Amino acid sequence: MTAETKKTKKTAKKVSPIKVKASKKKVKEEKDEVRRIEEAERKKVEEVFVRPARGLGEKKKSYLYAVGRRKAAIAKIKLYKNGKGIITVNGKLYSEYFPTDELEQIVSAPMRSVGQADKVDIEAKVLGGGPRGQAEAIRLGIARALVQLNINFKKNLRKAGFLTRDPRVKERKKPGLKRARRAPQWQKR
C-alpha cells in the first residue's frame, strides 16, 4: 500500500459516528424530497392522460365478452353497447394495427352485416398467430359477442359464415419427411 492510501484509511477512521448519522439523514431527506417531486409529476401526467370512460371516479361501462380462435391466434373481445363504432386491438385502432385494408374489412365485417358498425365499440386483446389468423379470430369473437347482444343477429351471421370456427391448422411435421407431407427428392443413383 502506498502512503496516500494509508492516510485516507486513517482519516476515514477518524470521522465521528455523529457526523455519519447526520449525513445519512441528509441523504434520506433528499431521497424523500425527490420521491415527493416524482409523485407530484406522475399525478399531473395521470390527470392529463387518464381515459375519461375509465377513470376519475366514473362508473365502468358494462360489456359483453366473447373469445374467438383461428390457427394459433386467440382473441378476447369486449363489446360495449351504445358506442360509436370504435374498434381497438391491443390498445391501438384496428386500422393502425392491421397492415392491409383486407384485414380491416375482415375484422369489421360482422358488425356491418348486422348494421351495428356505428352503434357498438369493440375492445380486442389478441395474441399468437400472424396478422391473418388474428384478424379472423377477432371476427369470430365479434360475431359471438353480437349474438349475445341480440339473438336475432345469429341467422345473418351464420349465413355469412362468421360463427363457424375454422378448424384448419398447420399439420405437424412427420419423421422422414421434409414437412408434413413433402417427401425428400427421389434419386435414381
N, C-alpha and C. Protein backbone atom coordinates (compact mmCIF):
# COMPACT_ATOMS: atom_id res chain seq x y z
N MET A 1 0.84 -1.18 0.00
CA MET A 1 0.00 0.00 0.00
C MET A 1 0.88 1.24 0.00
N THR A 2 0.41 2.22 -0.69
CA THR A 2 1.15 3.48 -0.73
C THR A 2 0.83 4.32 0.50
N ALA A 3 1.63 5.34 0.68
CA ALA A 3 1.45 6.21 1.85
C ALA A 3 0.12 6.96 1.78
N GLU A 4 -0.33 7.31 0.57
CA GLU A 4 -1.58 8.06 0.41
C GLU A 4 -2.79 7.24 0.84
N THR A 5 -2.79 5.95 0.45
CA THR A 5 -3.93 5.11 0.82
C THR A 5 -3.98 4.88 2.32
N LYS A 6 -2.81 4.79 2.96
CA LYS A 6 -2.78 4.64 4.41
C LYS A 6 -3.37 5.87 5.08
N LYS A 7 -3.04 7.06 4.53
CA LYS A 7 -3.56 8.30 5.11
C LYS A 7 -5.08 8.36 4.98
N THR A 8 -5.62 7.96 3.81
CA THR A 8 -7.07 8.02 3.61
C THR A 8 -7.79 7.06 4.54
N LYS A 9 -7.21 5.89 4.79
CA LYS A 9 -7.82 4.93 5.72
C LYS A 9 -7.84 5.50 7.12
N LYS A 10 -6.75 6.14 7.50
CA LYS A 10 -6.69 6.72 8.84
C LYS A 10 -7.70 7.84 8.98
N THR A 11 -7.84 8.67 7.97
CA THR A 11 -8.79 9.79 8.06
C THR A 11 -10.22 9.26 8.06
N ALA A 12 -10.48 8.17 7.34
CA ALA A 12 -11.82 7.60 7.33
C ALA A 12 -12.19 7.08 8.71
N LYS A 13 -11.23 6.56 9.43
CA LYS A 13 -11.49 6.05 10.77
C LYS A 13 -11.76 7.17 11.75
N LYS A 14 -11.22 8.34 11.50
CA LYS A 14 -11.33 9.44 12.44
C LYS A 14 -12.69 10.15 12.37
N VAL A 15 -13.54 9.89 11.34
CA VAL A 15 -14.85 10.54 11.22
C VAL A 15 -15.74 10.04 12.34
N SER A 16 -16.36 10.95 13.03
CA SER A 16 -17.17 10.58 14.19
C SER A 16 -18.51 9.99 13.73
N PRO A 17 -19.09 9.09 14.53
CA PRO A 17 -20.39 8.48 14.17
C PRO A 17 -21.52 9.48 14.13
N ILE A 18 -21.41 10.58 14.84
CA ILE A 18 -22.45 11.60 14.84
C ILE A 18 -22.54 12.24 13.46
N LYS A 19 -21.36 12.53 12.84
CA LYS A 19 -21.35 13.14 11.52
C LYS A 19 -21.90 12.18 10.46
N VAL A 20 -21.59 10.89 10.62
CA VAL A 20 -22.09 9.89 9.67
C VAL A 20 -23.61 9.83 9.74
N LYS A 21 -24.18 9.82 10.95
CA LYS A 21 -25.63 9.79 11.09
C LYS A 21 -26.27 11.03 10.49
N ALA A 22 -25.62 12.19 10.70
CA ALA A 22 -26.16 13.43 10.15
C ALA A 22 -26.15 13.40 8.63
N SER A 23 -25.07 12.87 8.02
CA SER A 23 -25.01 12.81 6.56
C SER A 23 -26.02 11.80 6.01
N LYS A 24 -26.26 10.69 6.73
CA LYS A 24 -27.26 9.71 6.29
C LYS A 24 -28.66 10.33 6.33
N LYS A 25 -28.91 11.14 7.36
CA LYS A 25 -30.21 11.81 7.46
C LYS A 25 -30.41 12.75 6.28
N LYS A 26 -29.35 13.49 5.91
CA LYS A 26 -29.45 14.42 4.77
C LYS A 26 -29.75 13.67 3.49
N VAL A 27 -29.05 12.55 3.29
CA VAL A 27 -29.27 11.75 2.08
C VAL A 27 -30.70 11.23 2.05
N LYS A 28 -31.20 10.75 3.18
CA LYS A 28 -32.56 10.24 3.25
C LYS A 28 -33.58 11.34 2.97
N GLU A 29 -33.34 12.53 3.54
CA GLU A 29 -34.24 13.66 3.29
C GLU A 29 -34.25 14.04 1.82
N GLU A 30 -33.09 14.04 1.19
CA GLU A 30 -33.00 14.36 -0.25
C GLU A 30 -33.77 13.33 -1.07
N LYS A 31 -33.62 12.04 -0.74
CA LYS A 31 -34.34 10.99 -1.47
C LYS A 31 -35.84 11.15 -1.30
N ASP A 32 -36.28 11.46 -0.08
CA ASP A 32 -37.71 11.66 0.17
C ASP A 32 -38.24 12.84 -0.65
N GLU A 33 -37.44 13.90 -0.72
CA GLU A 33 -37.85 15.08 -1.50
C GLU A 33 -37.98 14.74 -2.99
N VAL A 34 -37.03 13.96 -3.50
CA VAL A 34 -37.08 13.53 -4.91
C VAL A 34 -38.32 12.68 -5.16
N ARG A 35 -38.64 11.77 -4.22
CA ARG A 35 -39.84 10.93 -4.36
C ARG A 35 -41.11 11.78 -4.40
N ARG A 36 -41.19 12.78 -3.51
CA ARG A 36 -42.36 13.64 -3.49
C ARG A 36 -42.53 14.38 -4.81
N ILE A 37 -41.43 14.88 -5.35
CA ILE A 37 -41.48 15.60 -6.62
C ILE A 37 -41.92 14.66 -7.74
N GLU A 38 -41.36 13.45 -7.77
CA GLU A 38 -41.73 12.48 -8.81
C GLU A 38 -43.20 12.10 -8.72
N GLU A 39 -43.71 11.90 -7.50
CA GLU A 39 -45.13 11.56 -7.34
C GLU A 39 -46.03 12.70 -7.82
N ALA A 40 -45.64 13.94 -7.52
CA ALA A 40 -46.43 15.08 -7.97
C ALA A 40 -46.46 15.16 -9.49
N GLU A 41 -45.31 14.93 -10.13
CA GLU A 41 -45.25 14.94 -11.60
C GLU A 41 -46.08 13.81 -12.18
N ARG A 42 -46.01 12.62 -11.56
CA ARG A 42 -46.76 11.47 -12.05
C ARG A 42 -48.26 11.74 -11.97
N LYS A 43 -48.71 12.38 -10.88
CA LYS A 43 -50.13 12.70 -10.75
C LYS A 43 -50.57 13.68 -11.82
N LYS A 44 -49.71 14.67 -12.13
CA LYS A 44 -50.05 15.62 -13.19
C LYS A 44 -50.22 14.91 -14.52
N VAL A 45 -49.29 13.99 -14.83
CA VAL A 45 -49.34 13.25 -16.09
C VAL A 45 -50.59 12.38 -16.13
N GLU A 46 -50.92 11.71 -15.02
CA GLU A 46 -52.11 10.87 -14.98
C GLU A 46 -53.37 11.68 -15.20
N GLU A 47 -53.43 12.88 -14.66
CA GLU A 47 -54.61 13.72 -14.84
C GLU A 47 -54.82 14.06 -16.31
N VAL A 48 -53.72 14.23 -17.04
CA VAL A 48 -53.82 14.59 -18.46
C VAL A 48 -54.19 13.38 -19.31
N PHE A 49 -53.60 12.20 -19.01
CA PHE A 49 -53.73 11.06 -19.90
C PHE A 49 -54.76 10.01 -19.47
N VAL A 50 -55.46 10.18 -18.39
CA VAL A 50 -56.46 9.20 -17.98
C VAL A 50 -57.63 9.24 -18.94
N ARG A 51 -58.06 8.05 -19.37
CA ARG A 51 -59.20 7.96 -20.27
C ARG A 51 -60.46 8.31 -19.50
N PRO A 52 -61.28 9.22 -19.99
CA PRO A 52 -62.44 9.65 -19.23
C PRO A 52 -63.44 8.54 -18.94
N ALA A 53 -63.55 7.53 -19.80
CA ALA A 53 -64.52 6.46 -19.57
C ALA A 53 -64.06 5.50 -18.49
N ARG A 54 -62.79 5.51 -18.15
CA ARG A 54 -62.24 4.53 -17.23
C ARG A 54 -61.76 5.10 -15.90
N GLY A 55 -61.71 6.38 -15.75
CA GLY A 55 -61.10 6.91 -14.53
C GLY A 55 -61.88 8.06 -13.96
N LEU A 56 -61.25 8.73 -13.04
CA LEU A 56 -61.81 9.92 -12.40
C LEU A 56 -63.14 9.63 -11.73
N GLY A 57 -63.28 8.44 -11.15
CA GLY A 57 -64.46 8.12 -10.37
C GLY A 57 -65.70 7.77 -11.16
N GLU A 58 -65.60 7.69 -12.46
CA GLU A 58 -66.78 7.35 -13.25
C GLU A 58 -67.05 5.85 -13.17
N LYS A 59 -68.30 5.50 -13.37
CA LYS A 59 -68.70 4.10 -13.34
C LYS A 59 -68.18 3.38 -14.58
N LYS A 60 -67.66 2.16 -14.38
CA LYS A 60 -67.16 1.39 -15.52
C LYS A 60 -68.32 0.96 -16.39
N LYS A 61 -68.08 0.95 -17.70
CA LYS A 61 -69.11 0.50 -18.64
C LYS A 61 -69.23 -1.01 -18.57
N SER A 62 -70.43 -1.51 -18.78
CA SER A 62 -70.61 -2.95 -18.85
C SER A 62 -70.38 -3.40 -20.29
N TYR A 63 -69.96 -4.62 -20.42
CA TYR A 63 -69.65 -5.12 -21.76
C TYR A 63 -70.03 -6.59 -21.87
N LEU A 64 -70.08 -7.06 -23.12
CA LEU A 64 -70.30 -8.47 -23.42
C LEU A 64 -68.96 -9.06 -23.81
N TYR A 65 -68.67 -10.26 -23.32
CA TYR A 65 -67.36 -10.87 -23.52
C TYR A 65 -67.48 -12.11 -24.41
N ALA A 66 -66.54 -12.26 -25.33
CA ALA A 66 -66.51 -13.45 -26.18
C ALA A 66 -65.06 -13.75 -26.57
N VAL A 67 -64.82 -14.98 -26.96
CA VAL A 67 -63.48 -15.42 -27.38
C VAL A 67 -63.57 -15.97 -28.79
N GLY A 68 -62.59 -15.60 -29.62
CA GLY A 68 -62.50 -16.15 -30.96
C GLY A 68 -61.13 -16.75 -31.18
N ARG A 69 -61.07 -17.84 -31.94
CA ARG A 69 -59.80 -18.50 -32.22
C ARG A 69 -59.67 -18.81 -33.70
N ARG A 70 -58.43 -18.79 -34.19
CA ARG A 70 -58.14 -19.17 -35.57
C ARG A 70 -56.67 -19.50 -35.66
N LYS A 71 -56.33 -20.68 -36.17
CA LYS A 71 -54.95 -21.18 -36.21
C LYS A 71 -54.33 -21.08 -34.83
N ALA A 72 -53.29 -20.28 -34.66
CA ALA A 72 -52.64 -20.16 -33.34
C ALA A 72 -53.06 -18.88 -32.62
N ALA A 73 -54.00 -18.13 -33.17
CA ALA A 73 -54.40 -16.84 -32.60
C ALA A 73 -55.60 -17.00 -31.67
N ILE A 74 -55.57 -16.26 -30.56
CA ILE A 74 -56.68 -16.23 -29.62
C ILE A 74 -57.05 -14.77 -29.38
N ALA A 75 -58.32 -14.44 -29.58
CA ALA A 75 -58.78 -13.06 -29.41
C ALA A 75 -59.83 -13.01 -28.31
N LYS A 76 -59.63 -12.09 -27.36
CA LYS A 76 -60.60 -11.85 -26.29
C LYS A 76 -61.30 -10.54 -26.60
N ILE A 77 -62.60 -10.61 -26.74
CA ILE A 77 -63.39 -9.48 -27.23
C ILE A 77 -64.28 -8.93 -26.11
N LYS A 78 -64.29 -7.60 -26.00
CA LYS A 78 -65.24 -6.90 -25.13
C LYS A 78 -66.08 -5.99 -26.02
N LEU A 79 -67.37 -6.21 -26.02
CA LEU A 79 -68.30 -5.41 -26.83
C LEU A 79 -69.07 -4.48 -25.90
N TYR A 80 -68.90 -3.17 -26.12
CA TYR A 80 -69.58 -2.16 -25.32
C TYR A 80 -70.80 -1.65 -26.08
N LYS A 81 -71.95 -1.66 -25.43
CA LYS A 81 -73.18 -1.15 -26.06
C LYS A 81 -73.13 0.37 -26.14
N ASN A 82 -73.99 0.94 -26.96
CA ASN A 82 -74.12 2.39 -27.12
C ASN A 82 -72.78 3.07 -27.40
N GLY A 83 -72.04 2.52 -28.36
CA GLY A 83 -70.75 3.07 -28.73
C GLY A 83 -70.81 3.88 -30.00
N LYS A 84 -69.63 4.13 -30.55
CA LYS A 84 -69.53 4.94 -31.77
C LYS A 84 -68.88 4.17 -32.92
N GLY A 85 -68.69 2.87 -32.76
CA GLY A 85 -68.08 2.08 -33.82
C GLY A 85 -66.57 2.02 -33.75
N ILE A 86 -66.00 2.31 -32.61
CA ILE A 86 -64.54 2.30 -32.45
C ILE A 86 -64.09 0.88 -32.15
N ILE A 87 -63.11 0.41 -32.91
CA ILE A 87 -62.54 -0.92 -32.70
C ILE A 87 -61.07 -0.74 -32.33
N THR A 88 -60.69 -1.22 -31.14
CA THR A 88 -59.29 -1.16 -30.73
C THR A 88 -58.77 -2.59 -30.58
N VAL A 89 -57.55 -2.79 -31.05
CA VAL A 89 -56.90 -4.09 -30.96
C VAL A 89 -55.57 -3.88 -30.23
N ASN A 90 -55.44 -4.52 -29.08
CA ASN A 90 -54.23 -4.38 -28.25
C ASN A 90 -53.88 -2.92 -27.99
N GLY A 91 -54.88 -2.11 -27.73
CA GLY A 91 -54.66 -0.71 -27.38
C GLY A 91 -54.50 0.23 -28.56
N LYS A 92 -54.52 -0.27 -29.79
CA LYS A 92 -54.41 0.59 -30.98
C LYS A 92 -55.70 0.51 -31.78
N LEU A 93 -55.95 1.52 -32.60
CA LEU A 93 -57.07 1.43 -33.53
C LEU A 93 -56.80 0.30 -34.51
N TYR A 94 -57.84 -0.40 -34.91
CA TYR A 94 -57.62 -1.56 -35.77
C TYR A 94 -57.03 -1.17 -37.12
N SER A 95 -57.27 0.05 -37.59
CA SER A 95 -56.68 0.49 -38.85
C SER A 95 -55.17 0.69 -38.72
N GLU A 96 -54.69 0.98 -37.51
CA GLU A 96 -53.25 1.08 -37.28
C GLU A 96 -52.63 -0.29 -37.05
N TYR A 97 -53.38 -1.18 -36.39
CA TYR A 97 -52.84 -2.49 -36.01
C TYR A 97 -52.67 -3.42 -37.21
N PHE A 98 -53.67 -3.43 -38.10
CA PHE A 98 -53.60 -4.34 -39.25
C PHE A 98 -53.03 -3.61 -40.45
N PRO A 99 -52.08 -4.24 -41.16
CA PRO A 99 -51.35 -3.55 -42.23
C PRO A 99 -52.13 -3.35 -43.53
N THR A 100 -53.16 -4.14 -43.78
CA THR A 100 -53.85 -4.05 -45.06
C THR A 100 -55.35 -3.77 -44.87
N ASP A 101 -55.95 -3.23 -45.94
CA ASP A 101 -57.39 -2.96 -45.92
C ASP A 101 -58.20 -4.25 -45.84
N GLU A 102 -57.67 -5.31 -46.46
CA GLU A 102 -58.38 -6.59 -46.45
C GLU A 102 -58.59 -7.09 -45.02
N LEU A 103 -57.55 -7.00 -44.19
CA LEU A 103 -57.66 -7.45 -42.80
C LEU A 103 -58.60 -6.55 -42.00
N GLU A 104 -58.60 -5.26 -42.30
CA GLU A 104 -59.53 -4.35 -41.63
C GLU A 104 -60.98 -4.72 -41.96
N GLN A 105 -61.23 -5.06 -43.23
CA GLN A 105 -62.58 -5.45 -43.64
C GLN A 105 -63.01 -6.76 -42.99
N ILE A 106 -62.05 -7.69 -42.83
CA ILE A 106 -62.36 -8.96 -42.16
C ILE A 106 -62.83 -8.69 -40.74
N VAL A 107 -62.14 -7.80 -40.04
CA VAL A 107 -62.48 -7.50 -38.64
C VAL A 107 -63.84 -6.83 -38.52
N SER A 108 -64.14 -5.88 -39.39
CA SER A 108 -65.38 -5.12 -39.25
C SER A 108 -66.58 -5.76 -39.95
N ALA A 109 -66.38 -6.85 -40.68
CA ALA A 109 -67.46 -7.48 -41.45
C ALA A 109 -68.67 -7.90 -40.62
N PRO A 110 -68.52 -8.55 -39.46
CA PRO A 110 -69.72 -8.97 -38.73
C PRO A 110 -70.60 -7.80 -38.29
N MET A 111 -69.98 -6.70 -37.89
CA MET A 111 -70.78 -5.54 -37.44
C MET A 111 -71.51 -4.90 -38.61
N ARG A 112 -70.87 -4.87 -39.78
CA ARG A 112 -71.53 -4.30 -40.96
C ARG A 112 -72.67 -5.18 -41.42
N SER A 113 -72.52 -6.51 -41.31
CA SER A 113 -73.55 -7.42 -41.81
C SER A 113 -74.84 -7.34 -41.00
N VAL A 114 -74.77 -6.93 -39.73
CA VAL A 114 -75.98 -6.81 -38.91
C VAL A 114 -76.35 -5.36 -38.62
N GLY A 115 -75.65 -4.41 -39.22
CA GLY A 115 -75.98 -3.00 -39.08
C GLY A 115 -75.59 -2.38 -37.75
N GLN A 116 -74.56 -2.88 -37.11
CA GLN A 116 -74.12 -2.35 -35.82
C GLN A 116 -72.76 -1.66 -35.92
N ALA A 117 -72.34 -1.29 -37.12
CA ALA A 117 -70.99 -0.75 -37.33
C ALA A 117 -70.74 0.54 -36.57
N ASP A 118 -71.77 1.35 -36.33
CA ASP A 118 -71.56 2.62 -35.63
C ASP A 118 -72.35 2.68 -34.32
N LYS A 119 -72.76 1.53 -33.80
CA LYS A 119 -73.58 1.51 -32.59
C LYS A 119 -72.90 0.84 -31.40
N VAL A 120 -71.82 0.10 -31.63
CA VAL A 120 -71.11 -0.59 -30.54
C VAL A 120 -69.61 -0.32 -30.66
N ASP A 121 -68.92 -0.37 -29.53
CA ASP A 121 -67.46 -0.28 -29.50
C ASP A 121 -66.90 -1.65 -29.20
N ILE A 122 -65.74 -1.93 -29.79
CA ILE A 122 -65.10 -3.23 -29.61
C ILE A 122 -63.70 -2.99 -29.06
N GLU A 123 -63.36 -3.76 -28.02
CA GLU A 123 -62.00 -3.74 -27.48
C GLU A 123 -61.50 -5.18 -27.55
N ALA A 124 -60.43 -5.42 -28.34
CA ALA A 124 -59.92 -6.77 -28.53
C ALA A 124 -58.50 -6.88 -28.02
N LYS A 125 -58.23 -8.00 -27.36
CA LYS A 125 -56.86 -8.34 -26.99
C LYS A 125 -56.56 -9.66 -27.69
N VAL A 126 -55.55 -9.64 -28.53
CA VAL A 126 -55.25 -10.82 -29.34
C VAL A 126 -53.78 -11.18 -29.18
N LEU A 127 -53.52 -12.50 -29.14
CA LEU A 127 -52.15 -12.95 -29.05
C LEU A 127 -51.97 -14.22 -29.86
N GLY A 128 -50.75 -14.44 -30.31
CA GLY A 128 -50.43 -15.63 -31.09
C GLY A 128 -50.79 -15.49 -32.55
N GLY A 129 -50.19 -16.33 -33.37
CA GLY A 129 -50.50 -16.35 -34.79
C GLY A 129 -49.98 -15.16 -35.55
N GLY A 130 -50.39 -15.07 -36.81
CA GLY A 130 -49.99 -13.97 -37.67
C GLY A 130 -51.15 -13.00 -37.86
N PRO A 131 -50.94 -11.99 -38.69
CA PRO A 131 -51.99 -10.98 -38.89
C PRO A 131 -53.31 -11.56 -39.39
N ARG A 132 -53.25 -12.47 -40.34
CA ARG A 132 -54.47 -13.05 -40.90
C ARG A 132 -55.24 -13.86 -39.84
N GLY A 133 -54.53 -14.71 -39.14
CA GLY A 133 -55.16 -15.52 -38.10
C GLY A 133 -55.74 -14.65 -37.00
N GLN A 134 -55.03 -13.59 -36.64
CA GLN A 134 -55.53 -12.68 -35.61
C GLN A 134 -56.80 -11.98 -36.07
N ALA A 135 -56.81 -11.52 -37.33
CA ALA A 135 -58.00 -10.84 -37.86
C ALA A 135 -59.20 -11.77 -37.86
N GLU A 136 -59.02 -13.01 -38.26
CA GLU A 136 -60.13 -13.95 -38.32
C GLU A 136 -60.58 -14.38 -36.92
N ALA A 137 -59.65 -14.43 -35.97
CA ALA A 137 -60.02 -14.73 -34.59
C ALA A 137 -60.87 -13.60 -34.01
N ILE A 138 -60.49 -12.36 -34.32
CA ILE A 138 -61.27 -11.21 -33.85
C ILE A 138 -62.66 -11.24 -34.48
N ARG A 139 -62.73 -11.57 -35.77
CA ARG A 139 -64.03 -11.64 -36.46
C ARG A 139 -64.96 -12.64 -35.77
N LEU A 140 -64.45 -13.83 -35.43
CA LEU A 140 -65.26 -14.84 -34.76
C LEU A 140 -65.72 -14.34 -33.38
N GLY A 141 -64.80 -13.71 -32.65
CA GLY A 141 -65.15 -13.20 -31.32
C GLY A 141 -66.21 -12.12 -31.39
N ILE A 142 -66.08 -11.20 -32.36
CA ILE A 142 -67.08 -10.14 -32.52
C ILE A 142 -68.44 -10.73 -32.87
N ALA A 143 -68.45 -11.73 -33.76
CA ALA A 143 -69.72 -12.36 -34.15
C ALA A 143 -70.39 -13.02 -32.94
N ARG A 144 -69.60 -13.69 -32.11
CA ARG A 144 -70.16 -14.34 -30.92
C ARG A 144 -70.71 -13.31 -29.93
N ALA A 145 -70.00 -12.19 -29.79
CA ALA A 145 -70.46 -11.13 -28.89
C ALA A 145 -71.75 -10.49 -29.41
N LEU A 146 -71.86 -10.33 -30.73
CA LEU A 146 -73.08 -9.75 -31.32
C LEU A 146 -74.28 -10.66 -31.11
N VAL A 147 -74.08 -11.98 -31.14
CA VAL A 147 -75.17 -12.91 -30.88
C VAL A 147 -75.64 -12.77 -29.43
N GLN A 148 -74.69 -12.53 -28.50
CA GLN A 148 -75.08 -12.29 -27.10
C GLN A 148 -75.89 -11.00 -26.98
N LEU A 149 -75.52 -10.01 -27.79
CA LEU A 149 -76.22 -8.73 -27.77
C LEU A 149 -77.67 -8.89 -28.23
N ASN A 150 -77.85 -9.61 -29.34
CA ASN A 150 -79.19 -9.81 -29.88
C ASN A 150 -79.23 -11.16 -30.59
N ILE A 151 -80.04 -12.07 -30.12
CA ILE A 151 -80.12 -13.42 -30.68
C ILE A 151 -80.61 -13.42 -32.13
N ASN A 152 -81.31 -12.36 -32.54
CA ASN A 152 -81.82 -12.28 -33.91
C ASN A 152 -80.70 -12.09 -34.94
N PHE A 153 -79.51 -11.66 -34.49
CA PHE A 153 -78.38 -11.49 -35.40
C PHE A 153 -77.79 -12.83 -35.84
N LYS A 154 -78.13 -13.89 -35.12
CA LYS A 154 -77.49 -15.19 -35.36
C LYS A 154 -77.72 -15.72 -36.77
N LYS A 155 -78.92 -15.53 -37.28
CA LYS A 155 -79.25 -16.06 -38.62
C LYS A 155 -78.37 -15.43 -39.69
N ASN A 156 -78.24 -14.09 -39.68
CA ASN A 156 -77.40 -13.42 -40.68
C ASN A 156 -75.93 -13.76 -40.53
N LEU A 157 -75.46 -13.81 -39.28
CA LEU A 157 -74.05 -14.10 -39.05
C LEU A 157 -73.71 -15.54 -39.44
N ARG A 158 -74.63 -16.47 -39.15
CA ARG A 158 -74.41 -17.87 -39.53
C ARG A 158 -74.38 -18.02 -41.05
N LYS A 159 -75.29 -17.33 -41.73
CA LYS A 159 -75.37 -17.40 -43.19
C LYS A 159 -74.09 -16.85 -43.83
N ALA A 160 -73.52 -15.79 -43.25
CA ALA A 160 -72.29 -15.21 -43.78
C ALA A 160 -71.05 -16.03 -43.41
N GLY A 161 -71.20 -16.98 -42.48
CA GLY A 161 -70.09 -17.85 -42.10
C GLY A 161 -69.21 -17.29 -41.00
N PHE A 162 -69.70 -16.28 -40.28
CA PHE A 162 -68.89 -15.64 -39.25
C PHE A 162 -68.93 -16.37 -37.91
N LEU A 163 -69.88 -17.27 -37.73
CA LEU A 163 -69.98 -18.00 -36.46
C LEU A 163 -69.33 -19.38 -36.51
N THR A 164 -68.78 -19.76 -37.65
CA THR A 164 -68.15 -21.06 -37.78
C THR A 164 -66.67 -20.94 -37.45
N ARG A 165 -66.22 -21.74 -36.50
CA ARG A 165 -64.82 -21.75 -36.12
C ARG A 165 -64.06 -22.54 -37.18
N ASP A 166 -63.11 -21.90 -37.86
CA ASP A 166 -62.33 -22.56 -38.91
C ASP A 166 -61.29 -23.47 -38.23
N PRO A 167 -61.44 -24.79 -38.35
CA PRO A 167 -60.57 -25.70 -37.59
C PRO A 167 -59.21 -25.97 -38.24
N ARG A 168 -58.98 -25.43 -39.43
CA ARG A 168 -57.74 -25.76 -40.14
C ARG A 168 -56.53 -25.14 -39.44
N VAL A 169 -55.57 -25.98 -39.10
CA VAL A 169 -54.31 -25.52 -38.50
C VAL A 169 -53.16 -26.21 -39.22
N LYS A 170 -51.96 -25.72 -39.00
CA LYS A 170 -50.80 -26.30 -39.67
C LYS A 170 -50.58 -27.73 -39.18
N GLU A 171 -50.42 -28.64 -40.16
CA GLU A 171 -50.20 -30.04 -39.83
C GLU A 171 -48.78 -30.25 -39.33
N ARG A 172 -48.59 -31.15 -38.38
CA ARG A 172 -47.26 -31.34 -37.82
C ARG A 172 -46.32 -32.04 -38.79
N LYS A 173 -45.03 -31.81 -38.60
CA LYS A 173 -44.01 -32.46 -39.41
C LYS A 173 -43.90 -33.93 -39.01
N LYS A 174 -43.68 -34.81 -40.01
CA LYS A 174 -43.52 -36.23 -39.73
C LYS A 174 -42.07 -36.66 -39.93
N PRO A 175 -41.62 -37.66 -39.18
CA PRO A 175 -40.23 -38.12 -39.35
C PRO A 175 -40.00 -38.73 -40.73
N GLY A 176 -38.85 -38.44 -41.31
CA GLY A 176 -38.51 -38.95 -42.64
C GLY A 176 -39.00 -38.07 -43.77
N LEU A 177 -39.81 -37.05 -43.45
CA LEU A 177 -40.32 -36.14 -44.47
C LEU A 177 -39.74 -34.75 -44.24
N LYS A 178 -39.80 -33.91 -45.28
CA LYS A 178 -39.28 -32.56 -45.16
C LYS A 178 -40.22 -31.67 -44.35
N ARG A 179 -41.52 -31.81 -44.64
CA ARG A 179 -42.54 -31.05 -43.90
C ARG A 179 -43.59 -32.05 -43.46
N ALA A 180 -44.85 -31.64 -43.44
CA ALA A 180 -45.90 -32.56 -43.02
C ALA A 180 -46.07 -33.71 -44.01
N ARG A 181 -45.97 -33.42 -45.32
CA ARG A 181 -46.18 -34.45 -46.34
C ARG A 181 -45.10 -34.49 -47.40
N ARG A 182 -44.31 -33.43 -47.51
CA ARG A 182 -43.30 -33.34 -48.58
C ARG A 182 -42.20 -34.36 -48.33
N ALA A 183 -42.06 -35.30 -49.28
CA ALA A 183 -41.03 -36.33 -49.17
C ALA A 183 -39.71 -35.81 -49.71
N PRO A 184 -38.60 -36.37 -49.26
CA PRO A 184 -37.30 -35.95 -49.84
C PRO A 184 -37.26 -36.27 -51.34
N GLN A 185 -36.47 -35.51 -52.08
CA GLN A 185 -36.39 -35.71 -53.53
C GLN A 185 -35.82 -37.10 -53.83
N TRP A 186 -36.44 -37.80 -54.77
CA TRP A 186 -36.01 -39.16 -55.11
C TRP A 186 -34.76 -39.09 -55.99
N GLN A 187 -33.76 -39.94 -55.69
CA GLN A 187 -32.56 -40.01 -56.50
C GLN A 187 -32.45 -41.41 -57.12
N LYS A 188 -32.15 -41.44 -58.41
CA LYS A 188 -32.04 -42.74 -59.09
C LYS A 188 -30.82 -43.47 -58.62
N ARG A 189 -29.67 -42.77 -58.50
CA ARG A 189 -28.43 -43.40 -58.07
C ARG A 189 -27.82 -42.65 -56.94
